[in-house]
Structures are given as structure tokens and as C-alpha cells.
Amino acid sequence: MILRQPETVEFDPAKKAHRDAFRAFQKRYAWADSPLRFSPSPLYSNLVDQVKDQLLQWYMAQEAVTQ
């Protein structure tokens, strides 16, 4: 049996599909059935904290633009 590493992408909060994948993760706290695999950044201790922080920064920037 040959095992392959799944392809990963950088989380981009501007992409709706990425936000949807995280929303689904929040409902069941599992990435297993997500079609996307996000690559962790060495700046964070884990992927969940990374995505939450990036989402928060993105939403705050969106709000700043509309004011």
C-alpha cells in the first residue's frame, strides 16, 4: 500500500470555500470529511488557532473598510 500526503492549501479567509470548511469544522470539530486540507503555519501552535486568528483579522479588516 502506498500512502500519500494529501495536498494542502494555505487558509485564505477571503475565500468562501475556506470559511465554509471552517464553519463545518466548528459544527463537528473534525476535519476528516473536509474536501480541503489546510497547511499549518509555523507561527501558530495548531491549525485551529491559526484559522481562528486569520478569520478574526480578516473580519476586523472587513469591518474597518465599511466604516
C-alpha atoms as a PDB file:
ATOM      1  CA  MET A   1       0.000   0.000   0.000  1.00  0.00           C
ATOM      2  CA  ILE A   2       1.310   3.429  -0.949  1.00  0.00           C
ATOM      3  CA  LEU A   3       0.310   6.258   1.343  1.00  0.00           C
ATOM      4  CA  ARG A   4       0.260   9.773   0.013  1.00  0.00           C
ATOM      5  CA  GLN A   5       0.231  13.034   1.859  1.00  0.00           C
ATOM      6  CA  PRO A   6      -2.964  14.906   0.998  1.00  0.00           C
ATOM      7  CA  GLU A   7      -2.471  18.125  -0.921  1.00  0.00           C
ATOM      8  CA  THR A   8      -2.715  21.146   1.315  1.00  0.00           C
ATOM      9  CA  VAL A   9      -3.574  24.769   0.689  1.00  0.00           C
ATOM     10  CA  GLU A  10      -2.946  27.892   2.720  1.00  0.00           C
ATOM     11  CA  PHE A  11      -6.039  29.026   4.547  1.00  0.00           C
ATOM     12  CA  ASP A  12      -7.390  32.182   2.929  1.00  0.00           C
ATOM     13  CA  PRO A  13     -10.281  33.771   4.828  1.00  0.00           C
ATOM     14  CA  ALA A  14     -11.223  35.784   1.740  1.00  0.00           C
ATOM     15  CA  LYS A  15     -12.274  32.544   0.023  1.00  0.00           C
ATOM     16  CA  LYS A  16     -15.817  31.498   0.858  1.00  0.00           C
ATOM     17  CA  ALA A  17     -14.975  27.803   0.448  1.00  0.00           C
ATOM     18  CA  HIS A  18     -12.284  28.135   3.115  1.00  0.00           C
ATOM     19  CA  ARG A  19     -14.677  29.888   5.506  1.00  0.00           C
ATOM     20  CA  ASP A  20     -17.314  27.227   4.801  1.00  0.00           C
ATOM     21  CA  ALA A  21     -14.818  24.444   5.549  1.00  0.00           C
ATOM     22  CA  PHE A  22     -14.009  26.014   8.900  1.00  0.00           C
ATOM     23  CA  ARG A  23     -17.693  26.581   9.661  1.00  0.00           C
ATOM     24  CA  ALA A  24     -18.313  22.863   9.080  1.00  0.00           C
ATOM     25  CA  PHE A  25     -15.317  22.053  11.291  1.00  0.00           C
ATOM     26  CA  GLN A  26     -16.789  24.173  14.082  1.00  0.00           C
ATOM     27  CA  LYS A  27     -20.035  22.169  13.952  1.00  0.00           C
ATOM     28  CA  ARG A  28     -18.431  18.727  14.363  1.00  0.00           C
ATOM     29  CA  TYR A  29     -14.856  19.565  15.454  1.00  0.00           C
ATOM     30  CA  ALA A  30     -13.309  17.318  12.822  1.00  0.00           C
ATOM     31  CA  TRP A  31     -11.504  17.884   9.535  1.00  0.00           C
ATOM     32  CA  ALA A  32     -11.859  14.284   8.318  1.00  0.00           C
ATOM     33  CA  ASP A  33     -14.627  14.840   5.767  1.00  0.00           C
ATOM     34  CA  SER A  34     -13.499  18.287   4.649  1.00  0.00           C
ATOM     35  CA  PRO A  35     -12.571  18.493   0.957  1.00  0.00           C
ATOM     36  CA  LEU A  36      -9.828  20.977   1.867  1.00  0.00           C
ATOM     37  CA  ARG A  37      -6.657  20.337   3.823  1.00  0.00           C
ATOM     38  CA  PHE A  38      -5.042  23.468   5.184  1.00  0.00           C
ATOM     39  CA  SER A  39      -1.309  23.697   5.717  1.00  0.00           C
ATOM     40  CA  PRO A  40      -0.322  24.773   9.219  1.00  0.00           C
ATOM     41  CA  SER A  41       1.874  27.805   9.695  1.00  0.00           C
ATOM     42  CA  PRO A  42       4.901  27.561  11.984  1.00  0.00           C
ATOM     43  CA  LEU A  43       3.779  30.862  13.542  1.00  0.00           C
ATOM     44  CA  TYR A  44       0.920  29.088  15.355  1.00  0.00           C
ATOM     45  CA  SER A  45       0.840  26.191  17.781  1.00  0.00           C
ATOM     46  CA  ASN A  46      -2.016  24.469  15.914  1.00  0.00           C
ATOM     47  CA  LEU A  47      -4.177  24.803  12.839  1.00  0.00           C
ATOM     48  CA  VAL A  48      -7.386  25.710  14.665  1.00  0.00           C
ATOM     49  CA  ASP A  49      -5.766  28.678  16.418  1.00  0.00           C
ATOM     50  CA  GLN A  50      -4.242  29.741  13.110  1.00  0.00           C
ATOM     51  CA  VAL A  51      -7.553  29.708  11.258  1.00  0.00           C
ATOM     52  CA  LYS A  52      -9.412  31.445  14.091  1.00  0.00           C
ATOM     53  CA  ASP A  53      -6.808  34.200  14.241  1.00  0.00           C
ATOM     54  CA  GLN A  54      -6.735  34.681  10.471  1.00  0.00           C
ATOM     55  CA  LEU A  55     -10.528  34.802  10.346  1.00  0.00           C
ATOM     56  CA  LEU A  56     -10.667  37.337  13.156  1.00  0.00           C
ATOM     57  CA  GLN A  57      -8.091  39.541  11.424  1.00  0.00           C
ATOM     58  CA  TRP A  58      -9.971  39.265   8.123  1.00  0.00           C
ATOM     59  CA  TYR A  59     -13.385  40.090   9.646  1.00  0.00           C
ATOM     60  CA  MET A  60     -11.910  43.063  11.524  1.00  0.00           C
ATOM     61  CA  ALA A  61     -10.357  44.345   8.287  1.00  0.00           C
ATOM     62  CA  GLN A  62     -13.720  43.940   6.511  1.00  0.00           C
ATOM     63  CA  GLU A  63     -15.424  45.955   9.208  1.00  0.00           C
ATOM     64  CA  ALA A  64     -12.792  48.691   9.026  1.00  0.00           C
ATOM     65  CA  VAL A  65     -13.403  49.061   5.284  1.00  0.00           C
ATOM     66  CA  THR A  66     -17.160  49.531   5.732  1.00  0.00           C
ATOM     67  CA  GLN A  67     -16.837  52.254   8.360  1.00  0.00           C
END
